[in-house]
Each structure stands twice: as structure tokens, then as C-alpha cells.
Amino acid sequence: ALRERTEGLLLRNTQVANQFDLCAISVPMPGTARPAGLMLVARNGHDRHLLRIAAEMERLL
């Protein structure tokens, strides 16, 4: 039960994209009053490209 709840909380932000066979990542947004993230989505098979974009976004934020 704990594992399912934890996985649900961790994956809830990217779950919709995954259901449509897309890849997604949530990049943390620092300096906000409440926890927030920027969700990036790409076509299936473009995971490496998405990770490069996410790393650059994280650097810029």
C-alpha cells in the first residue's frame, strides 16, 4: 500500500503523457513559495533530447 501511494505521488505529474505514449519530465522550479515544477513533454523515443532540454531548463531556472 505504501509503495503504491509513493509511486502514485511520484508519477502523477507525468502519468497523462505516459498514457499517450509520450515521454515527460518535471523540472523543479526553485524560489517559489510552494513546491512547483515545469513539466516538459516530447514524442515517444525522444527521451535523450527531452533530458538535454530539461537539464538546460534546470540550469536556467
Protein backbone atom coordinates (compact mmCIF):
# COMPACT_ATOMS: atom_id res chain seq x y z
CA ALA A 1 0.00 0.00 0.00
CA LEU A 2 2.79 2.44 0.90
CA ARG A 3 4.71 1.63 -2.28
CA GLU A 4 1.65 2.21 -4.49
CA ARG A 5 0.90 5.51 -2.77
CA THR A 6 4.51 6.66 -3.08
CA GLU A 7 4.70 5.69 -6.76
CA GLY A 8 1.40 7.45 -7.40
CA LEU A 9 2.71 10.65 -5.85
CA LEU A 10 6.00 10.47 -7.74
CA LEU A 11 4.48 9.69 -11.13
CA ARG A 12 1.27 11.72 -11.06
CA ASN A 13 2.80 14.66 -12.91
CA THR A 14 3.97 12.63 -15.89
CA GLN A 15 1.24 9.99 -15.93
CA VAL A 16 -1.02 11.68 -18.51
CA ALA A 17 1.82 11.99 -21.03
CA ASN A 18 2.82 8.38 -20.43
CA GLN A 19 -0.75 7.22 -21.12
CA PHE A 20 -0.47 8.79 -24.58
CA ASP A 21 2.91 7.09 -25.19
CA LEU A 22 4.86 10.32 -24.78
CA CYS A 23 7.86 10.91 -22.56
CA ALA A 24 7.71 13.59 -19.88
CA ILE A 25 9.76 15.06 -17.08
CA SER A 26 9.00 17.54 -14.33
CA VAL A 27 11.76 20.06 -13.61
CA PRO A 28 11.70 21.63 -10.12
CA MET A 29 11.09 25.38 -10.02
CA PRO A 30 13.27 26.92 -7.31
CA GLY A 31 12.35 30.07 -5.43
CA THR A 32 8.61 29.51 -5.37
CA ALA A 33 6.54 29.84 -2.19
CA ARG A 34 5.09 26.38 -2.74
CA PRO A 35 6.61 23.35 -4.43
CA ALA A 36 6.22 23.67 -8.20
CA GLY A 37 7.62 22.13 -11.33
CA LEU A 38 7.80 22.76 -15.05
CA MET A 39 6.56 19.75 -16.99
CA LEU A 40 8.19 19.08 -20.34
CA VAL A 41 6.76 16.58 -22.83
CA ALA A 42 8.22 15.06 -26.00
CA ARG A 43 7.30 12.44 -28.57
CA ASN A 44 7.95 8.80 -27.86
CA GLY A 45 11.58 7.88 -28.40
CA HIS A 46 12.90 11.40 -27.82
CA ASP A 47 13.87 10.79 -24.20
CA ARG A 48 17.51 11.82 -24.60
CA HIS A 49 16.54 15.05 -26.32
CA LEU A 50 14.00 15.77 -23.58
CA LEU A 51 16.62 15.14 -20.89
CA ARG A 52 19.00 17.59 -22.58
CA ILE A 53 16.27 20.24 -22.70
CA ALA A 54 15.33 19.56 -19.06
CA ALA A 55 18.95 19.89 -17.94
CA GLU A 56 19.24 23.24 -19.73
CA MET A 57 15.93 24.46 -18.27
CA GLU A 58 17.08 23.46 -14.79
CA ARG A 59 20.33 25.36 -15.32
CA LEU A 60 18.43 28.47 -16.47
CA LEU A 61 15.94 28.35 -13.61
